[in-house]
Amino acid sequence: MSWLVLFIAGLFEVAWAIGLKYTEGFTRPLPTVGTVLAMAISMGLLGVAMKELPVGTAYAVWTGIGAIGTVVLGIVLFGDSASAGRLLCLLLIFVGLAGLKFLSPS
């Protein structure tokens, strides 16, 4: 169950990272409120997941999900580069996250 909570926390990290773009420097109230809410939910769920998961594993997976999700949405929503090198780097992050998940004692 803690892995599911951690995954959801990672999705909220993606939401707040993308939300930052829409706040336009925290000048737009509605995106700003949504972004801050997503930050709070993400951190809260990370804390819950860390009750059972090792801190290093949980934090690395949380940031990895955030990084991968944010890069993918940056490509889709904002036209960020989808070069072969960038996609290879995302694959390497994913492999590292999978390794942390499957080699974790929890």
PDB file of N, CA and C in Angstrom:
ATOM      1  N   MET A   1       0.822  -1.202   0.000  1.00  0.00           N
ATOM      2  CA  MET A   1       0.000   0.000   0.000  1.00  0.00           C
ATOM      3  C   MET A   1       0.869   1.270   0.000  1.00  0.00           C
ATOM      4  N   SER A   2       2.009   1.215   0.689  1.00  0.00           N
ATOM      5  CA  SER A   2       2.865   2.393   0.756  1.00  0.00           C
ATOM      6  C   SER A   2       3.433   2.757  -0.622  1.00  0.00           C
ATOM      7  N   TRP A   3       3.635   1.759  -1.482  1.00  0.00           N
ATOM      8  CA  TRP A   3       4.119   2.049  -2.830  1.00  0.00           C
ATOM      9  C   TRP A   3       3.047   2.775  -3.640  1.00  0.00           C
ATOM     10  N   LEU A   4       1.802   2.410  -3.460  1.00  0.00           N
ATOM     11  CA  LEU A   4       0.703   3.093  -4.148  1.00  0.00           C
ATOM     12  C   LEU A   4       0.604   4.541  -3.668  1.00  0.00           C
ATOM     13  N   VAL A   5       0.694   4.735  -2.365  1.00  0.00           N
ATOM     14  CA  VAL A   5       0.664   6.088  -1.800  1.00  0.00           C
ATOM     15  C   VAL A   5       1.831   6.910  -2.358  1.00  0.00           C
ATOM     16  N   LEU A   6       3.006   6.299  -2.445  1.00  0.00           N
ATOM     17  CA  LEU A   6       4.176   6.985  -2.982  1.00  0.00           C
ATOM     18  C   LEU A   6       3.974   7.346  -4.455  1.00  0.00           C
ATOM     19  N   PHE A   7       3.393   6.452  -5.219  1.00  0.00           N
ATOM     20  CA  PHE A   7       3.127   6.728  -6.630  1.00  0.00           C
ATOM     21  C   PHE A   7       2.172   7.913  -6.779  1.00  0.00           C
ATOM     22  N   ILE A   8       1.117   7.933  -5.971  1.00  0.00           N
ATOM     23  CA  ILE A   8       0.159   9.040  -6.023  1.00  0.00           C
ATOM     24  C   ILE A   8       0.843  10.346  -5.607  1.00  0.00           C
ATOM     25  N   ALA A   9       1.705  10.274  -4.589  1.00  0.00           N
ATOM     26  CA  ALA A   9       2.475  11.456  -4.179  1.00  0.00           C
ATOM     27  C   ALA A   9       3.315  11.972  -5.344  1.00  0.00           C
ATOM     28  N   GLY A  10       3.905  11.059  -6.098  1.00  0.00           N
ATOM     29  CA  GLY A  10       4.700  11.437  -7.266  1.00  0.00           C
ATOM     30  C   GLY A  10       3.857  12.107  -8.340  1.00  0.00           C
ATOM     31  N   LEU A  11       2.629  11.630  -8.528  1.00  0.00           N
ATOM     32  CA  LEU A  11       1.738  12.260  -9.501  1.00  0.00           C
ATOM     33  C   LEU A  11       1.387  13.685  -9.082  1.00  0.00           C
ATOM     34  N   PHE A  12       1.183  13.882  -7.779  1.00  0.00           N
ATOM     35  CA  PHE A  12       0.920  15.236  -7.297  1.00  0.00           C
ATOM     36  C   PHE A  12       2.161  16.116  -7.439  1.00  0.00           C
ATOM     37  N   GLU A  13       3.344  15.522  -7.370  1.00  0.00           N
ATOM     38  CA  GLU A  13       4.556  16.305  -7.615  1.00  0.00           C
ATOM     39  C   GLU A  13       4.586  16.778  -9.061  1.00  0.00           C
ATOM     40  N   VAL A  14       4.198  15.918  -9.973  1.00  0.00           N
ATOM     41  CA  VAL A  14       4.108  16.319 -11.375  1.00  0.00           C
ATOM     42  C   VAL A  14       3.107  17.470 -11.514  1.00  0.00           C
ATOM     43  N   ALA A  15       1.971  17.329 -10.838  1.00  0.00           N
ATOM     44  CA  ALA A  15       0.923  18.358 -10.923  1.00  0.00           C
ATOM     45  C   ALA A  15       1.440  19.712 -10.449  1.00  0.00           C
ATOM     46  N   TRP A  16       2.171  19.737  -9.335  1.00  0.00           N
ATOM     47  CA  TRP A  16       2.624  21.052  -8.864  1.00  0.00           C
ATOM     48  C   TRP A  16       3.764  21.589  -9.712  1.00  0.00           C
ATOM     49  N   ALA A  17       4.598  20.715 -10.247  1.00  0.00           N
ATOM     50  CA  ALA A  17       5.681  21.200 -11.103  1.00  0.00           C
ATOM     51  C   ALA A  17       5.112  21.836 -12.379  1.00  0.00           C
ATOM     52  N   ILE A  18       4.147  21.172 -12.978  1.00  0.00           N
ATOM     53  CA  ILE A  18       3.505  21.734 -14.168  1.00  0.00           C
ATOM     54  C   ILE A  18       2.685  22.962 -13.776  1.00  0.00           C
ATOM     55  N   GLY A  19       2.048  22.899 -12.619  1.00  0.00           N
ATOM     56  CA  GLY A  19       1.269  24.036 -12.134  1.00  0.00           C
ATOM     57  C   GLY A  19       2.095  25.300 -12.001  1.00  0.00           C
ATOM     58  N   LEU A  20       3.371  25.140 -11.618  1.00  0.00           N
ATOM     59  CA  LEU A  20       4.241  26.308 -11.496  1.00  0.00           C
ATOM     60  C   LEU A  20       4.303  27.103 -12.796  1.00  0.00           C
ATOM     61  N   LYS A  21       4.314  26.401 -13.905  1.00  0.00           N
ATOM     62  CA  LYS A  21       4.365  27.066 -15.208  1.00  0.00           C
ATOM     63  C   LYS A  21       3.111  27.925 -15.419  1.00  0.00           C
ATOM     64  N   TYR A  22       1.966  27.380 -14.999  1.00  0.00           N
ATOM     65  CA  TYR A  22       0.699  28.077 -15.199  1.00  0.00           C
ATOM     66  C   TYR A  22       0.479  29.221 -14.210  1.00  0.00           C
ATOM     67  N   THR A  23       1.224  29.262 -13.115  1.00  0.00           N
ATOM     68  CA  THR A  23       1.055  30.363 -12.161  1.00  0.00           C
ATOM     69  C   THR A  23       1.634  31.667 -12.687  1.00  0.00           C
ATOM     70  N   GLU A  24       2.515  31.557 -13.686  1.00  0.00           N
ATOM     71  CA  GLU A  24       3.203  32.725 -14.258  1.00  0.00           C
ATOM     72  C   GLU A  24       3.838  33.560 -13.151  1.00  0.00           C
ATOM     73  N   GLY A  25       4.698  32.897 -12.379  1.00  0.00           N
ATOM     74  CA  GLY A  25       5.400  33.580 -11.298  1.00  0.00           C
ATOM     75  C   GLY A  25       4.497  33.899 -10.117  1.00  0.00           C
ATOM     76  N   PHE A  26       3.521  33.070  -9.880  1.00  0.00           N
ATOM     77  CA  PHE A  26       2.544  33.233  -8.793  1.00  0.00           C
ATOM     78  C   PHE A  26       1.715  34.500  -8.945  1.00  0.00           C
ATOM     79  N   THR A  27       1.482  34.916 -10.192  1.00  0.00           N
ATOM     80  CA  THR A  27       0.659  36.100 -10.441  1.00  0.00           C
ATOM     81  C   THR A  27      -0.785  35.740 -10.791  1.00  0.00           C
ATOM     82  N   ARG A  28      -1.046  34.449 -11.039  1.00  0.00           N
ATOM     83  CA  ARG A  28      -2.407  34.009 -11.367  1.00  0.00           C
ATOM     84  C   ARG A  28      -2.961  33.238 -10.175  1.00  0.00           C
ATOM     85  N   PRO A  29      -4.001  33.772  -9.538  1.00  0.00           N
ATOM     86  CA  PRO A  29      -4.486  33.198  -8.268  1.00  0.00           C
ATOM     87  C   PRO A  29      -4.950  31.744  -8.347  1.00  0.00           C
ATOM     88  N   LEU A  30      -5.766  31.389  -9.307  1.00  0.00           N
ATOM     89  CA  LEU A  30      -6.308  30.026  -9.342  1.00  0.00           C
ATOM     90  C   LEU A  30      -5.221  28.970  -9.574  1.00  0.00           C
ATOM     91  N   PRO A  31      -4.357  29.133 -10.568  1.00  0.00           N
ATOM     92  CA  PRO A  31      -3.269  28.160 -10.706  1.00  0.00           C
ATOM     93  C   PRO A  31      -2.342  28.141  -9.486  1.00  0.00           C
ATOM     94  N   THR A  32      -2.154  29.281  -8.850  1.00  0.00           N
ATOM     95  CA  THR A  32      -1.304  29.340  -7.667  1.00  0.00           C
ATOM     96  C   THR A  32      -1.900  28.515  -6.529  1.00  0.00           C
ATOM     97  N   VAL A  33      -3.190  28.661  -6.295  1.00  0.00           N
ATOM     98  CA  VAL A  33      -3.856  27.889  -5.233  1.00  0.00           C
ATOM     99  C   VAL A  33      -3.780  26.398  -5.548  1.00  0.00           C
ATOM    100  N   GLY A  34      -4.040  26.022  -6.795  1.00  0.00           N
ATOM    101  CA  GLY A  34      -3.968  24.616  -7.187  1.00  0.00           C
ATOM    102  C   GLY A  34      -2.567  24.047  -7.026  1.00  0.00           C
ATOM    103  N   THR A  35      -1.574  24.842  -7.363  1.00  0.00           N
ATOM    104  CA  THR A  35      -0.185  24.406  -7.250  1.00  0.00           C
ATOM    105  C   THR A  35       0.206  24.199  -5.794  1.00  0.00           C
ATOM    106  N   VAL A  36      -0.142  25.152  -4.949  1.00  0.00           N
ATOM    107  CA  VAL A  36       0.182  25.039  -3.519  1.00  0.00           C
ATOM    108  C   VAL A  36      -0.549  23.850  -2.902  1.00  0.00           C
ATOM    109  N   LEU A  37      -1.790  23.627  -3.298  1.00  0.00           N
ATOM    110  CA  LEU A  37      -2.542  22.462  -2.816  1.00  0.00           C
ATOM    111  C   LEU A  37      -1.873  21.161  -3.242  1.00  0.00           C
ATOM    112  N   ALA A  38      -1.457  21.090  -4.499  1.00  0.00           N
ATOM    113  CA  ALA A  38      -0.778  19.888  -4.993  1.00  0.00           C
ATOM    114  C   ALA A  38       0.539  19.667  -4.249  1.00  0.00           C
ATOM    115  N   MET A  39       1.242  20.753  -3.920  1.00  0.00           N
ATOM    116  CA  MET A  39       2.475  20.632  -3.141  1.00  0.00           C
ATOM    117  C   MET A  39       2.202  20.017  -1.778  1.00  0.00           C
ATOM    118  N   ALA A  40       1.184  20.523  -1.113  1.00  0.00           N
ATOM    119  CA  ALA A  40       0.849  20.029   0.234  1.00  0.00           C
ATOM    120  C   ALA A  40       0.432  18.559   0.193  1.00  0.00           C
ATOM    121  N   ILE A  41      -0.383  18.198  -0.781  1.00  0.00           N
ATOM    122  CA  ILE A  41      -0.836  16.805  -0.892  1.00  0.00           C
ATOM    123  C   ILE A  41       0.353  15.897  -1.201  1.00  0.00           C
ATOM    124  N   SER A  42       1.199  16.320  -2.118  1.00  0.00           N
ATOM    125  CA  SER A  42       2.361  15.525  -2.501  1.00  0.00           C
ATOM    126  C   SER A  42       3.271  15.272  -1.304  1.00  0.00           C
ATOM    127  N   MET A  43       3.586  16.325  -0.566  1.00  0.00           N
ATOM    128  CA  MET A  43       4.463  16.180   0.601  1.00  0.00           C
ATOM    129  C   MET A  43       3.802  15.331   1.686  1.00  0.00           C
ATOM    130  N   GLY A  44       2.508  15.552   1.888  1.00  0.00           N
ATOM    131  CA  GLY A  44       1.795  14.776   2.896  1.00  0.00           C
ATOM    132  C   GLY A  44       1.800  13.288   2.585  1.00  0.00           C
ATOM    133  N   LEU A  45       1.534  12.953   1.331  1.00  0.00           N
ATOM    134  CA  LEU A  45       1.534  11.540   0.938  1.00  0.00           C
ATOM    135  C   LEU A  45       2.934  10.944   0.994  1.00  0.00           C
ATOM    136  N   LEU A  46       3.937  11.743   0.656  1.00  0.00           N
ATOM    137  CA  LEU A  46       5.312  11.268   0.780  1.00  0.00           C
ATOM    138  C   LEU A  46       5.610  10.907   2.232  1.00  0.00           C
ATOM    139  N   GLY A  47       5.177  11.756   3.143  1.00  0.00           N
ATOM    140  CA  GLY A  47       5.369  11.480   4.571  1.00  0.00           C
ATOM    141  C   GLY A  47       4.692  10.198   5.009  1.00  0.00           C
ATOM    142  N   VAL A  48       3.495   9.963   4.501  1.00  0.00           N
ATOM    143  CA  VAL A  48       2.768   8.729   4.830  1.00  0.00           C
ATOM    144  C   VAL A  48       3.529   7.519   4.290  1.00  0.00           C
ATOM    145  N   ALA A  49       3.995   7.605   3.062  1.00  0.00           N
ATOM    146  CA  ALA A  49       4.722   6.480   2.454  1.00  0.00           C
ATOM    147  C   ALA A  49       6.013   6.183   3.206  1.00  0.00           C
ATOM    148  N   MET A  50       6.642   7.220   3.741  1.00  0.00           N
ATOM    149  CA  MET A  50       7.913   7.032   4.447  1.00  0.00           C
ATOM    150  C   MET A  50       7.757   6.335   5.796  1.00  0.00           C
ATOM    151  N   LYS A  51       6.528   6.155   6.245  1.00  0.00           N
ATOM    152  CA  LYS A  51       6.325   5.388   7.479  1.00  0.00           C
ATOM    153  C   LYS A  51       6.820   3.958   7.304  1.00  0.00           C
ATOM    154  N   GLU A  52       6.676   3.425   6.083  1.00  0.00           N
ATOM    155  CA  GLU A  52       7.023   2.027   5.841  1.00  0.00           C
ATOM    156  C   GLU A  52       8.203   1.840   4.889  1.00  0.00           C
ATOM    157  N   LEU A  53       8.507   2.843   4.081  1.00  0.00           N
ATOM    158  CA  LEU A  53       9.576   2.701   3.093  1.00  0.00           C
ATOM    159  C   LEU A  53      10.845   3.390   3.588  1.00  0.00           C
ATOM    160  N   PRO A  54      11.995   2.894   3.169  1.00  0.00           N
ATOM    161  CA  PRO A  54      13.241   3.572   3.520  1.00  0.00           C
ATOM    162  C   PRO A  54      13.250   5.001   2.956  1.00  0.00           C
ATOM    163  N   VAL A  55      13.774   5.933   3.728  1.00  0.00           N
ATOM    164  CA  VAL A  55      13.724   7.345   3.344  1.00  0.00           C
ATOM    165  C   VAL A  55      14.415   7.595   1.997  1.00  0.00           C
ATOM    166  N   GLY A  56      15.570   7.026   1.787  1.00  0.00           N
ATOM    167  CA  GLY A  56      16.287   7.246   0.535  1.00  0.00           C
ATOM    168  C   GLY A  56      15.537   6.713  -0.666  1.00  0.00           C
ATOM    169  N   THR A  57      14.979   5.535  -0.519  1.00  0.00           N
ATOM    170  CA  THR A  57      14.207   4.927  -1.605  1.00  0.00           C
ATOM    171  C   THR A  57      12.960   5.744  -1.900  1.00  0.00           C
ATOM    172  N   ALA A  58      12.210   6.082  -0.850  1.00  0.00           N
ATOM    173  CA  ALA A  58      10.964   6.823  -1.037  1.00  0.00           C
ATOM    174  C   ALA A  58      11.221   8.175  -1.696  1.00  0.00           C
ATOM    175  N   TYR A  59      12.227   8.891  -1.207  1.00  0.00           N
ATOM    176  CA  TYR A  59      12.504  10.217  -1.754  1.00  0.00           C
ATOM    177  C   TYR A  59      12.977  10.122  -3.206  1.00  0.00           C
ATOM    178  N   ALA A  60      13.837   9.177  -3.501  1.00  0.00           N
ATOM    179  CA  ALA A  60      14.341   9.018  -4.862  1.00  0.00           C
ATOM    180  C   ALA A  60      13.222   8.651  -5.830  1.00  0.00           C
ATOM    181  N   VAL A  61      12.355   7.750  -5.413  1.00  0.00           N
ATOM    182  CA  VAL A  61      11.245   7.350  -6.281  1.00  0.00           C
ATOM    183  C   VAL A  61      10.279   8.517  -6.481  1.00  0.00           C
ATOM    184  N   TRP A  62       9.992   9.243  -5.412  1.00  0.00           N
ATOM    185  CA  TRP A  62       9.092  10.407  -5.480  1.00  0.00           C
ATOM    186  C   TRP A  62       9.626  11.446  -6.468  1.00  0.00           C
ATOM    187  N   THR A  63      10.891  11.786  -6.342  1.00  0.00           N
ATOM    188  CA  THR A  63      11.466  12.779  -7.249  1.00  0.00           C
ATOM    189  C   THR A  63      11.600  12.231  -8.669  1.00  0.00           C
ATOM    190  N   GLY A  64      11.862  10.932  -8.780  1.00  0.00           N
ATOM    191  CA  GLY A  64      11.966  10.318 -10.108  1.00  0.00           C
ATOM    192  C   GLY A  64      10.648  10.337 -10.853  1.00  0.00           C
ATOM    193  N   ILE A  65       9.578   9.999 -10.143  1.00  0.00           N
ATOM    194  CA  ILE A  65       8.245  10.060 -10.765  1.00  0.00           C
ATOM    195  C   ILE A  65       7.965  11.497 -11.190  1.00  0.00           C
ATOM    196  N   GLY A  66       8.301  12.427 -10.305  1.00  0.00           N
ATOM    197  CA  GLY A  66       8.091  13.838 -10.631  1.00  0.00           C
ATOM    198  C   GLY A  66       8.897  14.269 -11.839  1.00  0.00           C
ATOM    199  N   ALA A  67      10.138  13.846 -11.906  1.00  0.00           N
ATOM    200  CA  ALA A  67      11.002  14.227 -13.022  1.00  0.00           C
ATOM    201  C   ALA A  67      10.502  13.645 -14.341  1.00  0.00           C
ATOM    202  N   ILE A  68      10.221  12.358 -14.339  1.00  0.00           N
ATOM    203  CA  ILE A  68       9.756  11.715 -15.573  1.00  0.00           C
ATOM    204  C   ILE A  68       8.428  12.324 -16.023  1.00  0.00           C
ATOM    205  N   GLY A  69       7.491  12.426 -15.110  1.00  0.00           N
ATOM    206  CA  GLY A  69       6.176  12.969 -15.459  1.00  0.00           C
ATOM    207  C   GLY A  69       6.245  14.401 -15.950  1.00  0.00           C
ATOM    208  N   THR A  70       7.085  15.197 -15.302  1.00  0.00           N
ATOM    209  CA  THR A  70       7.202  16.602 -15.690  1.00  0.00           C
ATOM    210  C   THR A  70       7.847  16.747 -17.062  1.00  0.00           C
ATOM    211  N   VAL A  71       8.860  15.957 -17.336  1.00  0.00           N
ATOM    212  CA  VAL A  71       9.494  16.020 -18.664  1.00  0.00           C
ATOM    213  C   VAL A  71       8.509  15.579 -19.745  1.00  0.00           C
ATOM    214  N   VAL A  72       7.788  14.494 -19.495  1.00  0.00           N
ATOM    215  CA  VAL A  72       6.824  14.002 -20.494  1.00  0.00           C
ATOM    216  C   VAL A  72       5.737  15.052 -20.744  1.00  0.00           C
ATOM    217  N   LEU A  73       5.190  15.632 -19.671  1.00  0.00           N
ATOM    218  CA  LEU A  73       4.161  16.652 -19.866  1.00  0.00           C
ATOM    219  C   LEU A  73       4.739  17.926 -20.483  1.00  0.00           C
ATOM    220  N   GLY A  74       5.991  18.223 -20.192  1.00  0.00           N
ATOM    221  CA  GLY A  74       6.635  19.359 -20.850  1.00  0.00           C
ATOM    222  C   GLY A  74       6.700  19.155 -22.357  1.00  0.00           C
ATOM    223  N   ILE A  75       6.971  17.927 -22.763  1.00  0.00           N
ATOM    224  CA  ILE A  75       6.994  17.591 -24.191  1.00  0.00           C
ATOM    225  C   ILE A  75       5.604  17.734 -24.794  1.00  0.00           C
ATOM    226  N   VAL A  76       4.614  17.157 -24.115  1.00  0.00           N
ATOM    227  CA  VAL A  76       3.243  17.137 -24.633  1.00  0.00           C
ATOM    228  C   VAL A  76       2.590  18.521 -24.596  1.00  0.00           C
ATOM    229  N   LEU A  77       2.706  19.213 -23.469  1.00  0.00           N
ATOM    230  CA  LEU A  77       1.979  20.467 -23.291  1.00  0.00           C
ATOM    231  C   LEU A  77       2.706  21.697 -23.810  1.00  0.00           C
ATOM    232  N   PHE A  78       4.027  21.705 -23.704  1.00  0.00           N
ATOM    233  CA  PHE A  78       4.776  22.922 -23.999  1.00  0.00           C
ATOM    234  C   PHE A  78       5.747  22.797 -25.166  1.00  0.00           C
ATOM    235  N   GLY A  79       5.755  21.627 -25.807  1.00  0.00           N
ATOM    236  CA  GLY A  79       6.620  21.450 -26.963  1.00  0.00           C
ATOM    237  C   GLY A  79       8.100  21.349 -26.632  1.00  0.00           C
ATOM    238  N   ASP A  80       8.418  20.940 -25.407  1.00  0.00           N
ATOM    239  CA  ASP A  80       9.821  20.733 -25.042  1.00  0.00           C
ATOM    240  C   ASP A  80      10.435  19.663 -25.952  1.00  0.00           C
ATOM    241  N   SER A  81      11.723  19.670 -26.060  1.00  0.00           N
ATOM    242  CA  SER A  81      12.430  18.742 -26.932  1.00  0.00           C
ATOM    243  C   SER A  81      12.182  17.282 -26.521  1.00  0.00           C
ATOM    244  N   ALA A  82      11.982  16.446 -27.522  1.00  0.00           N
ATOM    245  CA  ALA A  82      11.835  15.005 -27.309  1.00  0.00           C
ATOM    246  C   ALA A  82      12.949  14.275 -28.051  1.00  0.00           C
ATOM    247  N   SER A  83      14.140  14.786 -27.930  1.00  0.00           N
ATOM    248  CA  SER A  83      15.268  14.182 -28.635  1.00  0.00           C
ATOM    249  C   SER A  83      15.554  12.780 -28.095  1.00  0.00           C
ATOM    250  N   ALA A  84      16.245  12.014 -28.901  1.00  0.00           N
ATOM    251  CA  ALA A  84      16.586  10.644 -28.500  1.00  0.00           C
ATOM    252  C   ALA A  84      17.404  10.647 -27.211  1.00  0.00           C
ATOM    253  N   GLY A  85      18.304  11.593 -27.070  1.00  0.00           N
ATOM    254  CA  GLY A  85      19.120  11.668 -25.861  1.00  0.00           C
ATOM    255  C   GLY A  85      18.292  11.922 -24.616  1.00  0.00           C
ATOM    256  N   ARG A  86      17.350  12.834 -24.708  1.00  0.00           N
ATOM    257  CA  ARG A  86      16.469  13.120 -23.548  1.00  0.00           C
ATOM    258  C   ARG A  86      15.618  11.899 -23.206  1.00  0.00           C
ATOM    259  N   LEU A  87      15.081  11.240 -24.223  1.00  0.00           N
ATOM    260  CA  LEU A  87      14.251  10.058 -23.970  1.00  0.00           C
ATOM    261  C   LEU A  87      15.082   8.924 -23.378  1.00  0.00           C
ATOM    262  N   LEU A  88      16.316   8.782 -23.822  1.00  0.00           N
ATOM    263  CA  LEU A  88      17.203   7.776 -23.239  1.00  0.00           C
ATOM    264  C   LEU A  88      17.453   8.077 -21.761  1.00  0.00           C
ATOM    265  N   CYS A  89      17.655   9.331 -21.441  1.00  0.00           N
ATOM    266  CA  CYS A  89      17.868   9.712 -20.039  1.00  0.00           C
ATOM    267  C   CYS A  89      16.629   9.403 -19.191  1.00  0.00           C
ATOM    268  N   LEU A  90      15.442   9.640 -19.734  1.00  0.00           N
ATOM    269  CA  LEU A  90      14.215   9.284 -19.012  1.00  0.00           C
ATOM    270  C   LEU A  90      14.142   7.778 -18.774  1.00  0.00           C
ATOM    271  N   LEU A  91      14.531   7.010 -19.781  1.00  0.00           N
ATOM    272  CA  LEU A  91      14.550   5.559 -19.634  1.00  0.00           C
ATOM    273  C   LEU A  91      15.509   5.147 -18.518  1.00  0.00           C
ATOM    274  N   LEU A  92      16.653   5.780 -18.454  1.00  0.00           N
ATOM    275  CA  LEU A  92      17.623   5.460 -17.402  1.00  0.00           C
ATOM    276  C   LEU A  92      17.071   5.784 -16.018  1.00  0.00           C
ATOM    277  N   ILE A  93      16.356   6.910 -15.904  1.00  0.00           N
ATOM    278  CA  ILE A  93      15.726   7.237 -14.618  1.00  0.00           C
ATOM    279  C   ILE A  93      14.708   6.161 -14.265  1.00  0.00           C
ATOM    280  N   PHE A  94      13.898   5.759 -15.243  1.00  0.00           N
ATOM    281  CA  PHE A  94      12.883   4.730 -15.004  1.00  0.00           C
ATOM    282  C   PHE A  94      13.515   3.417 -14.546  1.00  0.00           C
ATOM    283  N   VAL A  95      14.585   3.020 -15.198  1.00  0.00           N
ATOM    284  CA  VAL A  95      15.280   1.781 -14.816  1.00  0.00           C
ATOM    285  C   VAL A  95      15.798   1.892 -13.385  1.00  0.00           C
ATOM    286  N   GLY A  96      16.338   3.044 -13.027  1.00  0.00           N
ATOM    287  CA  GLY A  96      16.808   3.255 -11.661  1.00  0.00           C
ATOM    288  C   GLY A  96      15.681   3.164 -10.653  1.00  0.00           C
ATOM    289  N   LEU A  97      14.532   3.748 -10.978  1.00  0.00           N
ATOM    290  CA  LEU A  97      13.375   3.681 -10.074  1.00  0.00           C
ATOM    291  C   LEU A  97      12.881   2.250  -9.922  1.00  0.00           C
ATOM    292  N   ALA A  98      12.813   1.534 -11.027  1.00  0.00           N
ATOM    293  CA  ALA A  98      12.392   0.133 -10.957  1.00  0.00           C
ATOM    294  C   ALA A  98      13.361  -0.669 -10.093  1.00  0.00           C
ATOM    295  N   GLY A  99      14.641  -0.408 -10.242  1.00  0.00           N
ATOM    296  CA  GLY A  99      15.633  -1.089  -9.413  1.00  0.00           C
ATOM    297  C   GLY A  99      15.425  -0.796  -7.935  1.00  0.00           C
ATOM    298  N   LEU A 100      15.179   0.455  -7.594  1.00  0.00           N
ATOM    299  CA  LEU A 100      14.921   0.801  -6.200  1.00  0.00           C
ATOM    300  C   LEU A 100      13.663   0.097  -5.669  1.00  0.00           C
ATOM    301  N   LYS A 101      12.645   0.015  -6.498  1.00  0.00           N
ATOM    302  CA  LYS A 101      11.396  -0.639  -6.088  1.00  0.00           C
ATOM    303  C   LYS A 101      11.627  -2.120  -5.864  1.00  0.00           C
ATOM    304  N   PHE A 102      12.225  -2.777  -6.814  1.00  0.00           N
ATOM    305  CA  PHE A 102      12.325  -4.248  -6.738  1.00  0.00           C
ATOM    306  C   PHE A 102      13.471  -4.728  -5.847  1.00  0.00           C
ATOM    307  N   LEU A 103      14.409  -3.876  -5.541  1.00  0.00           N
ATOM    308  CA  LEU A 103      15.508  -4.270  -4.660  1.00  0.00           C
ATOM    309  C   LEU A 103      15.318  -3.741  -3.244  1.00  0.00           C
ATOM    310  N   SER A 104      14.182  -3.093  -2.998  1.00  0.00           N
ATOM    311  CA  SER A 104      13.890  -2.547  -1.660  1.00  0.00           C
ATOM    312  C   SER A 104      13.390  -3.654  -0.745  1.00  0.00           C
ATOM    313  N   PRO A 105      13.768  -3.600   0.523  1.00  0.00           N
ATOM    314  CA  PRO A 105      13.309  -4.635   1.458  1.00  0.00           C
ATOM    315  C   PRO A 105      11.821  -4.561   1.772  1.00  0.00           C
ATOM    316  N   SER A 106      11.176  -3.425   1.502  1.00  0.00           N
ATOM    317  CA  SER A 106       9.738  -3.281   1.815  1.00  0.00           C
ATOM    318  C   SER A 106       8.885  -3.620   0.629  1.00  0.00           C
TER     319      SER A 106
END
